[in-house]
Amino acid sequence: MSGMELLFSDRYGVYIPQYFAGKFSGGDWNIAESNSDWLSILAGPEDNEGYWDAWDEILGRASYTDSNGFVWTLHQDGDLWAVCPELMTEEEYEGYFGEARQEIA
């Protein structure tokens, strides 16, 4: 199992946040769906001055706990990824963090 799951490719461009909000429940990602940031990204980027600030807030605090208890967060580098460091391969970990995983003694 990989610790990095592609949610949306960069071909969705400025609509990635809106598509994310449309596909996933805010509650699944620990964001109340009545939250103003969630509502702002759901509304889309057109004539929405707060869209990117709201998306930055969501990216910084969203987390999802899967049925096995693993915690996933969001990462965007063009593409939007769900990331779980515990499940990453060594190659994924080094690519993401820029260093080898440290063994805990």
PDB file of N, CA and C in Angstrom:
ATOM      1  N   MET A   1       0.846  -1.187   0.000  1.00  0.00           N
ATOM      2  CA  MET A   1       0.000   0.000   0.000  1.00  0.00           C
ATOM      3  C   MET A   1       0.881   1.236   0.000  1.00  0.00           C
ATOM      4  N   SER A   2       0.499   2.203  -0.756  1.00  0.00           N
ATOM      5  CA  SER A   2       1.245   3.447  -0.855  1.00  0.00           C
ATOM      6  C   SER A   2       0.739   4.456   0.167  1.00  0.00           C
ATOM      7  N   GLY A   3       1.622   5.299   0.619  1.00  0.00           N
ATOM      8  CA  GLY A   3       1.254   6.362   1.543  1.00  0.00           C
ATOM      9  C   GLY A   3       0.978   7.670   0.830  1.00  0.00           C
ATOM     10  N   MET A   4       0.901   7.610  -0.511  1.00  0.00           N
ATOM     11  CA  MET A   4       0.574   8.793  -1.295  1.00  0.00           C
ATOM     12  C   MET A   4      -0.486   8.412  -2.316  1.00  0.00           C
ATOM     13  N   GLU A   5      -1.626   9.072  -2.237  1.00  0.00           N
ATOM     14  CA  GLU A   5      -2.727   8.789  -3.153  1.00  0.00           C
ATOM     15  C   GLU A   5      -3.076  10.067  -3.916  1.00  0.00           C
ATOM     16  N   LEU A   6      -3.030   9.990  -5.237  1.00  0.00           N
ATOM     17  CA  LEU A   6      -3.393  11.134  -6.063  1.00  0.00           C
ATOM     18  C   LEU A   6      -4.903  11.337  -5.996  1.00  0.00           C
ATOM     19  N   LEU A   7      -5.312  12.529  -5.575  1.00  0.00           N
ATOM     20  CA  LEU A   7      -6.741  12.847  -5.517  1.00  0.00           C
ATOM     21  C   LEU A   7      -7.190  13.561  -6.791  1.00  0.00           C
ATOM     22  N   PHE A   8      -6.430  14.580  -7.213  1.00  0.00           N
ATOM     23  CA  PHE A   8      -6.737  15.327  -8.429  1.00  0.00           C
ATOM     24  C   PHE A   8      -5.441  15.737  -9.104  1.00  0.00           C
ATOM     25  N   SER A   9      -5.371  15.523 -10.407  1.00  0.00           N
ATOM     26  CA  SER A   9      -4.187  15.956 -11.155  1.00  0.00           C
ATOM     27  C   SER A   9      -4.256  17.460 -11.391  1.00  0.00           C
ATOM     28  N   ASP A  10      -3.126  18.019 -11.754  1.00  0.00           N
ATOM     29  CA  ASP A  10      -3.076  19.459 -11.980  1.00  0.00           C
ATOM     30  C   ASP A  10      -3.867  19.900 -13.210  1.00  0.00           C
ATOM     31  N   ARG A  11      -4.385  18.958 -13.983  1.00  0.00           N
ATOM     32  CA  ARG A  11      -5.195  19.351 -15.146  1.00  0.00           C
ATOM     33  C   ARG A  11      -6.491  20.037 -14.719  1.00  0.00           C
ATOM     34  N   TYR A  12      -6.884  19.873 -13.457  1.00  0.00           N
ATOM     35  CA  TYR A  12      -8.079  20.557 -12.945  1.00  0.00           C
ATOM     36  C   TYR A  12      -7.785  22.009 -12.576  1.00  0.00           C
ATOM     37  N   GLY A  13      -6.526  22.371 -12.541  1.00  0.00           N
ATOM     38  CA  GLY A  13      -6.105  23.756 -12.330  1.00  0.00           C
ATOM     39  C   GLY A  13      -6.726  24.420 -11.116  1.00  0.00           C
ATOM     40  N   VAL A  14      -7.249  25.623 -11.344  1.00  0.00           N
ATOM     41  CA  VAL A  14      -7.788  26.432 -10.243  1.00  0.00           C
ATOM     42  C   VAL A  14      -9.034  25.819  -9.612  1.00  0.00           C
ATOM     43  N   TYR A  15      -9.577  24.781 -10.232  1.00  0.00           N
ATOM     44  CA  TYR A  15     -10.799  24.165  -9.719  1.00  0.00           C
ATOM     45  C   TYR A  15     -10.530  22.995  -8.767  1.00  0.00           C
ATOM     46  N   ILE A  16      -9.264  22.662  -8.538  1.00  0.00           N
ATOM     47  CA  ILE A  16      -8.957  21.552  -7.628  1.00  0.00           C
ATOM     48  C   ILE A  16      -9.636  21.730  -6.274  1.00  0.00           C
ATOM     49  N   PRO A  17      -9.522  22.888  -5.627  1.00  0.00           N
ATOM     50  CA  PRO A  17     -10.194  23.028  -4.328  1.00  0.00           C
ATOM     51  C   PRO A  17     -11.708  22.795  -4.412  1.00  0.00           C
ATOM     52  N   GLN A  18     -12.333  23.361  -5.430  1.00  0.00           N
ATOM     53  CA  GLN A  18     -13.780  23.214  -5.579  1.00  0.00           C
ATOM     54  C   GLN A  18     -14.157  21.752  -5.833  1.00  0.00           C
ATOM     55  N   TYR A  19     -13.413  21.072  -6.687  1.00  0.00           N
ATOM     56  CA  TYR A  19     -13.684  19.655  -6.945  1.00  0.00           C
ATOM     57  C   TYR A  19     -13.473  18.821  -5.688  1.00  0.00           C
ATOM     58  N   PHE A  20     -12.435  19.158  -4.934  1.00  0.00           N
ATOM     59  CA  PHE A  20     -12.180  18.451  -3.679  1.00  0.00           C
ATOM     60  C   PHE A  20     -13.387  18.582  -2.752  1.00  0.00           C
ATOM     61  N   ALA A  21     -13.870  19.806  -2.576  1.00  0.00           N
ATOM     62  CA  ALA A  21     -15.015  20.041  -1.691  1.00  0.00           C
ATOM     63  C   ALA A  21     -16.280  19.375  -2.210  1.00  0.00           C
ATOM     64  N   GLY A  22     -16.408  19.271  -3.523  1.00  0.00           N
ATOM     65  CA  GLY A  22     -17.576  18.624  -4.100  1.00  0.00           C
ATOM     66  C   GLY A  22     -17.548  17.109  -3.986  1.00  0.00           C
ATOM     67  N   LYS A  23     -16.345  16.535  -3.988  1.00  0.00           N
ATOM     68  CA  LYS A  23     -16.227  15.078  -3.949  1.00  0.00           C
ATOM     69  C   LYS A  23     -16.202  14.514  -2.535  1.00  0.00           C
ATOM     70  N   PHE A  24     -15.584  15.243  -1.620  1.00  0.00           N
ATOM     71  CA  PHE A  24     -15.404  14.745  -0.265  1.00  0.00           C
ATOM     72  C   PHE A  24     -16.262  15.522   0.720  1.00  0.00           C
ATOM     73  N   SER A  25     -16.644  14.858   1.777  1.00  0.00           N
ATOM     74  CA  SER A  25     -17.352  15.506   2.866  1.00  0.00           C
ATOM     75  C   SER A  25     -16.343  16.253   3.731  1.00  0.00           C
ATOM     76  N   GLY A  26     -16.682  17.455   4.119  1.00  0.00           N
ATOM     77  CA  GLY A  26     -15.804  18.190   5.029  1.00  0.00           C
ATOM     78  C   GLY A  26     -15.596  17.426   6.317  1.00  0.00           C
ATOM     79  N   GLY A  27     -16.650  16.760   6.779  1.00  0.00           N
ATOM     80  CA  GLY A  27     -16.547  15.983   8.007  1.00  0.00           C
ATOM     81  C   GLY A  27     -15.540  14.855   7.905  1.00  0.00           C
ATOM     82  N   ASP A  28     -15.421  14.262   6.709  1.00  0.00           N
ATOM     83  CA  ASP A  28     -14.420  13.214   6.517  1.00  0.00           C
ATOM     84  C   ASP A  28     -13.011  13.742   6.733  1.00  0.00           C
ATOM     85  N   TRP A  29     -12.794  15.011   6.437  1.00  0.00           N
ATOM     86  CA  TRP A  29     -11.471  15.624   6.550  1.00  0.00           C
ATOM     87  C   TRP A  29     -11.376  16.540   7.773  1.00  0.00           C
ATOM     88  N   ASN A  30     -12.255  16.341   8.745  1.00  0.00           N
ATOM     89  CA  ASN A  30     -12.262  17.097  10.002  1.00  0.00           C
ATOM     90  C   ASN A  30     -12.459  18.598   9.808  1.00  0.00           C
ATOM     91  N   ILE A  31     -13.242  18.947   8.797  1.00  0.00           N
ATOM     92  CA  ILE A  31     -13.609  20.339   8.546  1.00  0.00           C
ATOM     93  C   ILE A  31     -15.134  20.399   8.538  1.00  0.00           C
ATOM     94  N   ALA A  32     -15.702  21.212   9.391  1.00  0.00           N
ATOM     95  CA  ALA A  32     -17.162  21.343   9.422  1.00  0.00           C
ATOM     96  C   ALA A  32     -17.648  21.919   8.103  1.00  0.00           C
ATOM     97  N   GLU A  33     -18.669  21.318   7.537  1.00  0.00           N
ATOM     98  CA  GLU A  33     -19.174  21.782   6.247  1.00  0.00           C
ATOM     99  C   GLU A  33     -19.841  23.146   6.333  1.00  0.00           C
ATOM    100  N   SER A  34     -20.086  23.622   7.545  1.00  0.00           N
ATOM    101  CA  SER A  34     -20.604  24.975   7.726  1.00  0.00           C
ATOM    102  C   SER A  34     -19.461  25.978   7.889  1.00  0.00           C
ATOM    103  N   ASN A  35     -18.232  25.491   7.931  1.00  0.00           N
ATOM    104  CA  ASN A  35     -17.053  26.330   8.061  1.00  0.00           C
ATOM    105  C   ASN A  35     -16.980  27.280   6.864  1.00  0.00           C
ATOM    106  N   SER A  36     -16.671  28.540   7.109  1.00  0.00           N
ATOM    107  CA  SER A  36     -16.653  29.526   6.021  1.00  0.00           C
ATOM    108  C   SER A  36     -15.603  29.196   4.960  1.00  0.00           C
ATOM    109  N   ASP A  37     -14.466  28.605   5.364  1.00  0.00           N
ATOM    110  CA  ASP A  37     -13.451  28.219   4.380  1.00  0.00           C
ATOM    111  C   ASP A  37     -13.993  27.124   3.462  1.00  0.00           C
ATOM    112  N   TRP A  38     -14.678  26.148   4.051  1.00  0.00           N
ATOM    113  CA  TRP A  38     -15.244  25.061   3.250  1.00  0.00           C
ATOM    114  C   TRP A  38     -16.274  25.610   2.260  1.00  0.00           C
ATOM    115  N   LEU A  39     -17.132  26.477   2.742  1.00  0.00           N
ATOM    116  CA  LEU A  39     -18.168  27.063   1.882  1.00  0.00           C
ATOM    117  C   LEU A  39     -17.556  27.911   0.770  1.00  0.00           C
ATOM    118  N   SER A  40     -16.460  28.584   1.085  1.00  0.00           N
ATOM    119  CA  SER A  40     -15.793  29.422   0.095  1.00  0.00           C
ATOM    120  C   SER A  40     -15.197  28.593  -1.038  1.00  0.00           C
ATOM    121  N   ILE A  41     -14.534  27.493  -0.714  1.00  0.00           N
ATOM    122  CA  ILE A  41     -13.957  26.678  -1.795  1.00  0.00           C
ATOM    123  C   ILE A  41     -15.042  25.932  -2.560  1.00  0.00           C
ATOM    124  N   LEU A  42     -16.097  25.565  -1.885  1.00  0.00           N
ATOM    125  CA  LEU A  42     -17.206  24.893  -2.558  1.00  0.00           C
ATOM    126  C   LEU A  42     -17.860  25.816  -3.590  1.00  0.00           C
ATOM    127  N   ALA A  43     -17.863  27.119  -3.307  1.00  0.00           N
ATOM    128  CA  ALA A  43     -18.464  28.105  -4.213  1.00  0.00           C
ATOM    129  C   ALA A  43     -17.636  28.306  -5.484  1.00  0.00           C
ATOM    130  N   GLY A  44     -16.367  27.970  -5.446  1.00  0.00           N
ATOM    131  CA  GLY A  44     -15.521  28.091  -6.630  1.00  0.00           C
ATOM    132  C   GLY A  44     -14.752  29.391  -6.692  1.00  0.00           C
ATOM    133  N   PRO A  45     -13.843  29.481  -7.668  1.00  0.00           N
ATOM    134  CA  PRO A  45     -12.934  30.626  -7.728  1.00  0.00           C
ATOM    135  C   PRO A  45     -13.501  31.889  -8.385  1.00  0.00           C
ATOM    136  N   GLU A  46     -14.566  31.778  -9.153  1.00  0.00           N
ATOM    137  CA  GLU A  46     -15.086  32.943  -9.850  1.00  0.00           C
ATOM    138  C   GLU A  46     -15.634  33.979  -8.866  1.00  0.00           C
ATOM    139  N   ASP A  47     -15.141  35.193  -8.982  1.00  0.00           N
ATOM    140  CA  ASP A  47     -15.590  36.303  -8.127  1.00  0.00           C
ATOM    141  C   ASP A  47     -15.565  35.952  -6.647  1.00  0.00           C
ATOM    142  N   ASN A  48     -14.559  35.241  -6.235  1.00  0.00           N
ATOM    143  CA  ASN A  48     -14.452  34.784  -4.854  1.00  0.00           C
ATOM    144  C   ASN A  48     -13.060  35.144  -4.346  1.00  0.00           C
ATOM    145  N   GLU A  49     -12.956  36.315  -3.742  1.00  0.00           N
ATOM    146  CA  GLU A  49     -11.656  36.819  -3.301  1.00  0.00           C
ATOM    147  C   GLU A  49     -11.011  35.951  -2.220  1.00  0.00           C
ATOM    148  N   GLY A  50     -11.799  35.243  -1.447  1.00  0.00           N
ATOM    149  CA  GLY A  50     -11.262  34.451  -0.355  1.00  0.00           C
ATOM    150  C   GLY A  50     -10.946  33.006  -0.716  1.00  0.00           C
ATOM    151  N   TYR A  51     -11.132  32.629  -1.978  1.00  0.00           N
ATOM    152  CA  TYR A  51     -10.978  31.239  -2.408  1.00  0.00           C
ATOM    153  C   TYR A  51      -9.607  30.664  -2.061  1.00  0.00           C
ATOM    154  N   TRP A  52      -8.537  31.354  -2.446  1.00  0.00           N
ATOM    155  CA  TRP A  52      -7.193  30.807  -2.227  1.00  0.00           C
ATOM    156  C   TRP A  52      -6.781  30.858  -0.760  1.00  0.00           C
ATOM    157  N   ASP A  53      -7.180  31.884  -0.042  1.00  0.00           N
ATOM    158  CA  ASP A  53      -6.893  31.924   1.395  1.00  0.00           C
ATOM    159  C   ASP A  53      -7.621  30.789   2.105  1.00  0.00           C
ATOM    160  N   ALA A  54      -8.870  30.562   1.713  1.00  0.00           N
ATOM    161  CA  ALA A  54      -9.644  29.467   2.310  1.00  0.00           C
ATOM    162  C   ALA A  54      -8.998  28.121   2.001  1.00  0.00           C
ATOM    163  N   TRP A  55      -8.531  27.948   0.770  1.00  0.00           N
ATOM    164  CA  TRP A  55      -7.882  26.692   0.393  1.00  0.00           C
ATOM    165  C   TRP A  55      -6.597  26.488   1.185  1.00  0.00           C
ATOM    166  N   ASP A  56      -5.818  27.540   1.375  1.00  0.00           N
ATOM    167  CA  ASP A  56      -4.597  27.424   2.193  1.00  0.00           C
ATOM    168  C   ASP A  56      -4.928  26.970   3.610  1.00  0.00           C
ATOM    169  N   GLU A  57      -6.010  27.492   4.165  1.00  0.00           N
ATOM    170  CA  GLU A  57      -6.436  27.082   5.510  1.00  0.00           C
ATOM    171  C   GLU A  57      -6.828  25.610   5.531  1.00  0.00           C
ATOM    172  N   ILE A  58      -7.581  25.174   4.528  1.00  0.00           N
ATOM    173  CA  ILE A  58      -7.992  23.770   4.448  1.00  0.00           C
ATOM    174  C   ILE A  58      -6.771  22.873   4.307  1.00  0.00           C
ATOM    175  N   LEU A  59      -5.860  23.218   3.401  1.00  0.00           N
ATOM    176  CA  LEU A  59      -4.648  22.414   3.207  1.00  0.00           C
ATOM    177  C   LEU A  59      -3.842  22.287   4.496  1.00  0.00           C
ATOM    178  N   GLY A  60      -3.818  23.350   5.276  1.00  0.00           N
ATOM    179  CA  GLY A  60      -3.016  23.367   6.502  1.00  0.00           C
ATOM    180  C   GLY A  60      -3.607  22.596   7.666  1.00  0.00           C
ATOM    181  N   ARG A  61      -4.898  22.318   7.631  1.00  0.00           N
ATOM    182  CA  ARG A  61      -5.481  21.670   8.813  1.00  0.00           C
ATOM    183  C   ARG A  61      -6.313  20.417   8.537  1.00  0.00           C
ATOM    184  N   ALA A  62      -6.596  20.126   7.298  1.00  0.00           N
ATOM    185  CA  ALA A  62      -7.422  18.952   6.983  1.00  0.00           C
ATOM    186  C   ALA A  62      -6.676  17.659   7.292  1.00  0.00           C
ATOM    187  N   SER A  63      -7.390  16.719   7.875  1.00  0.00           N
ATOM    188  CA  SER A  63      -6.833  15.383   8.104  1.00  0.00           C
ATOM    189  C   SER A  63      -7.964  14.369   8.054  1.00  0.00           C
ATOM    190  N   TYR A  64      -7.604  13.188   7.591  1.00  0.00           N
ATOM    191  CA  TYR A  64      -8.573  12.105   7.440  1.00  0.00           C
ATOM    192  C   TYR A  64      -8.010  10.872   8.123  1.00  0.00           C
ATOM    193  N   THR A  65      -8.800  10.229   8.964  1.00  0.00           N
ATOM    194  CA  THR A  65      -8.381   8.983   9.604  1.00  0.00           C
ATOM    195  C   THR A  65      -9.129   7.847   8.932  1.00  0.00           C
ATOM    196  N   ASP A  66      -8.359   6.929   8.320  1.00  0.00           N
ATOM    197  CA  ASP A  66      -8.994   5.831   7.596  1.00  0.00           C
ATOM    198  C   ASP A  66      -9.470   4.740   8.554  1.00  0.00           C
ATOM    199  N   SER A  67     -10.084   3.726   8.014  1.00  0.00           N
ATOM    200  CA  SER A  67     -10.671   2.665   8.839  1.00  0.00           C
ATOM    201  C   SER A  67      -9.624   1.850   9.607  1.00  0.00           C
ATOM    202  N   ASN A  68      -8.363   1.959   9.221  1.00  0.00           N
ATOM    203  CA  ASN A  68      -7.283   1.269   9.932  1.00  0.00           C
ATOM    204  C   ASN A  68      -6.586   2.165  10.954  1.00  0.00           C
ATOM    205  N   GLY A  69      -7.076   3.392  11.098  1.00  0.00           N
ATOM    206  CA  GLY A  69      -6.510   4.316  12.074  1.00  0.00           C
ATOM    207  C   GLY A  69      -5.349   5.149  11.559  1.00  0.00           C
ATOM    208  N   PHE A  70      -5.024   5.061  10.279  1.00  0.00           N
ATOM    209  CA  PHE A  70      -3.945   5.865   9.709  1.00  0.00           C
ATOM    210  C   PHE A  70      -4.462   7.259   9.390  1.00  0.00           C
ATOM    211  N   VAL A  71      -3.636   8.265   9.695  1.00  0.00           N
ATOM    212  CA  VAL A  71      -4.016   9.659   9.479  1.00  0.00           C
ATOM    213  C   VAL A  71      -3.390  10.163   8.180  1.00  0.00           C
ATOM    214  N   TRP A  72      -4.235  10.727   7.341  1.00  0.00           N
ATOM    215  CA  TRP A  72      -3.835  11.275   6.052  1.00  0.00           C
ATOM    216  C   TRP A  72      -3.997  12.790   6.090  1.00  0.00           C
ATOM    217  N   THR A  73      -3.094  13.498   5.426  1.00  0.00           N
ATOM    218  CA  THR A  73      -3.195  14.946   5.273  1.00  0.00           C
ATOM    219  C   THR A  73      -3.157  15.269   3.779  1.00  0.00           C
ATOM    220  N   LEU A  74      -3.334  16.532   3.460  1.00  0.00           N
ATOM    221  CA  LEU A  74      -3.334  16.967   2.061  1.00  0.00           C
ATOM    222  C   LEU A  74      -2.016  17.647   1.714  1.00  0.00           C
ATOM    223  N   HIS A  75      -1.595  17.451   0.483  1.00  0.00           N
ATOM    224  CA  HIS A  75      -0.398  18.121  -0.044  1.00  0.00           C
ATOM    225  C   HIS A  75      -0.672  18.471  -1.500  1.00  0.00           C
ATOM    226  N   GLN A  76      -0.387  19.732  -1.855  1.00  0.00           N
ATOM    227  CA  GLN A  76      -0.575  20.134  -3.245  1.00  0.00           C
ATOM    228  C   GLN A  76       0.723  20.678  -3.803  1.00  0.00           C
ATOM    229  N   ASP A  77       1.145  20.082  -4.914  1.00  0.00           N
ATOM    230  CA  ASP A  77       2.344  20.530  -5.642  1.00  0.00           C
ATOM    231  C   ASP A  77       1.998  20.637  -7.121  1.00  0.00           C
ATOM    232  N   GLY A  78       0.854  21.215  -7.386  1.00  0.00           N
ATOM    233  CA  GLY A  78       0.223  21.145  -8.711  1.00  0.00           C
ATOM    234  C   GLY A  78      -0.890  20.118  -8.586  1.00  0.00           C
ATOM    235  N   ASP A  79      -0.516  18.836  -8.479  1.00  0.00           N
ATOM    236  CA  ASP A  79      -1.472  17.765  -8.182  1.00  0.00           C
ATOM    237  C   ASP A  79      -1.867  17.851  -6.707  1.00  0.00           C
ATOM    238  N   LEU A  80      -3.030  17.313  -6.376  1.00  0.00           N
ATOM    239  CA  LEU A  80      -3.460  17.240  -4.983  1.00  0.00           C
ATOM    240  C   LEU A  80      -3.338  15.797  -4.515  1.00  0.00           C
ATOM    241  N   TRP A  81      -2.616  15.612  -3.426  1.00  0.00           N
ATOM    242  CA  TRP A  81      -2.330  14.288  -2.874  1.00  0.00           C
ATOM    243  C   TRP A  81      -2.880  14.148  -1.465  1.00  0.00           C
ATOM    244  N   ALA A  82      -3.296  12.938  -1.125  1.00  0.00           N
ATOM    245  CA  ALA A  82      -3.522  12.548   0.264  1.00  0.00           C
ATOM    246  C   ALA A  82      -2.235  11.832   0.671  1.00  0.00           C
ATOM    247  N   VAL A  83      -1.686  12.204   1.825  1.00  0.00           N
ATOM    248  CA  VAL A  83      -0.378  11.715   2.241  1.00  0.00           C
ATOM    249  C   VAL A  83      -0.451  11.124   3.647  1.00  0.00           C
ATOM    250  N   CYS A  84       0.106   9.929   3.805  1.00  0.00           N
ATOM    251  CA  CYS A  84       0.218   9.288   5.116  1.00  0.00           C
ATOM    252  C   CYS A  84       1.662   8.805   5.271  1.00  0.00           C
ATOM    253  N   PRO A  85       2.503   9.548   5.993  1.00  0.00           N
ATOM    254  CA  PRO A  85       3.909   9.166   6.132  1.00  0.00           C
ATOM    255  C   PRO A  85       4.116   7.748   6.666  1.00  0.00           C
ATOM    256  N   GLU A  86       3.247   7.284   7.539  1.00  0.00           N
ATOM    257  CA  GLU A  86       3.392   5.934   8.095  1.00  0.00           C
ATOM    258  C   GLU A  86       3.311   4.850   7.028  1.00  0.00           C
ATOM    259  N   LEU A  87       2.576   5.103   5.959  1.00  0.00           N
ATOM    260  CA  LEU A  87       2.376   4.103   4.915  1.00  0.00           C
ATOM    261  C   LEU A  87       3.294   4.296   3.701  1.00  0.00           C
ATOM    262  N   MET A  88       4.101   5.345   3.720  1.00  0.00           N
ATOM    263  CA  MET A  88       4.973   5.620   2.586  1.00  0.00           C
ATOM    264  C   MET A  88       6.066   4.563   2.471  1.00  0.00           C
ATOM    265  N   THR A  89       6.403   4.245   1.222  1.00  0.00           N
ATOM    266  CA  THR A  89       7.586   3.430   0.981  1.00  0.00           C
ATOM    267  C   THR A  89       8.796   4.309   1.302  1.00  0.00           C
ATOM    268  N   GLU A  90       9.966   3.687   1.411  1.00  0.00           N
ATOM    269  CA  GLU A  90      11.172   4.469   1.683  1.00  0.00           C
ATOM    270  C   GLU A  90      11.423   5.490   0.571  1.00  0.00           C
ATOM    271  N   GLU A  91      11.189   5.083  -0.672  1.00  0.00           N
ATOM    272  CA  GLU A  91      11.391   5.980  -1.805  1.00  0.00           C
ATOM    273  C   GLU A  91      10.419   7.167  -1.746  1.00  0.00           C
ATOM    274  N   GLU A  92       9.160   6.910  -1.446  1.00  0.00           N
ATOM    275  CA  GLU A  92       8.173   7.985  -1.322  1.00  0.00           C
ATOM    276  C   GLU A  92       8.559   8.927  -0.188  1.00  0.00           C
ATOM    277  N   TYR A  93       8.960   8.349   0.940  1.00  0.00           N
ATOM    278  CA  TYR A  93       9.324   9.149   2.109  1.00  0.00           C
ATOM    279  C   TYR A  93      10.483  10.082   1.795  1.00  0.00           C
ATOM    280  N   GLU A  94      11.536   9.532   1.193  1.00  0.00           N
ATOM    281  CA  GLU A  94      12.703  10.345   0.853  1.00  0.00           C
ATOM    282  C   GLU A  94      12.354  11.412  -0.174  1.00  0.00           C
ATOM    283  N   GLY A  95      11.513  11.077  -1.150  1.00  0.00           N
ATOM    284  CA  GLY A  95      11.098  12.052  -2.152  1.00  0.00           C
ATOM    285  C   GLY A  95      10.261  13.172  -1.563  1.00  0.00           C
ATOM    286  N   TYR A  96       9.426  12.833  -0.603  1.00  0.00           N
ATOM    287  CA  TYR A  96       8.525  13.817  -0.006  1.00  0.00           C
ATOM    288  C   TYR A  96       9.244  14.692   1.017  1.00  0.00           C
ATOM    289  N   PHE A  97      10.004  14.055   1.917  1.00  0.00           N
ATOM    290  CA  PHE A  97      10.643  14.784   3.003  1.00  0.00           C
ATOM    291  C   PHE A  97      12.081  15.199   2.690  1.00  0.00           C
ATOM    292  N   GLY A  98      12.678  14.635   1.647  1.00  0.00           N
ATOM    293  CA  GLY A  98      14.039  14.999   1.281  1.00  0.00           C
ATOM    294  C   GLY A  98      15.108  14.342   2.141  1.00  0.00           C
ATOM    295  N   GLU A  99      14.721  13.365   2.939  1.00  0.00           N
ATOM    296  CA  GLU A  99      15.682  12.653   3.780  1.00  0.00           C
ATOM    297  C   GLU A  99      15.139  11.268   4.098  1.00  0.00           C
ATOM    298  N   ALA A 100      16.049  10.415   4.518  1.00  0.00           N
ATOM    299  CA  ALA A 100      15.664   9.056   4.881  1.00  0.00           C
ATOM    300  C   ALA A 100      14.872   9.055   6.186  1.00  0.00           C
ATOM    301  N   ARG A 101      14.014   8.087   6.316  1.00  0.00           N
ATOM    302  CA  ARG A 101      13.230   7.899   7.536  1.00  0.00           C
ATOM    303  C   ARG A 101      14.179   7.579   8.683  1.00  0.00           C
ATOM    304  N   GLN A 102      13.982   8.204   9.816  1.00  0.00           N
ATOM    305  CA  GLN A 102      14.811   7.962  11.002  1.00  0.00           C
ATOM    306  C   GLN A 102      14.247   6.805  11.806  1.00  0.00           C
ATOM    307  N   GLU A 103      15.092   5.862  12.126  1.00  0.00           N
ATOM    308  CA  GLU A 103      14.680   4.746  12.970  1.00  0.00           C
ATOM    309  C   GLU A 103      14.587   5.213  14.417  1.00  0.00           C
ATOM    310  N   ILE A 104      13.542   4.799  15.076  1.00  0.00           N
ATOM    311  CA  ILE A 104      13.362   5.144  16.496  1.00  0.00           C
ATOM    312  C   ILE A 104      13.884   3.979  17.319  1.00  0.00           C
ATOM    313  N   ALA A 105      14.826   4.283  18.202  1.00  0.00           N
ATOM    314  CA  ALA A 105      15.448   3.231  19.022  1.00  0.00           C
ATOM    315  C   ALA A 105      14.608   2.855  20.205  1.00  0.00           C
TER     316      ALA A 105
END
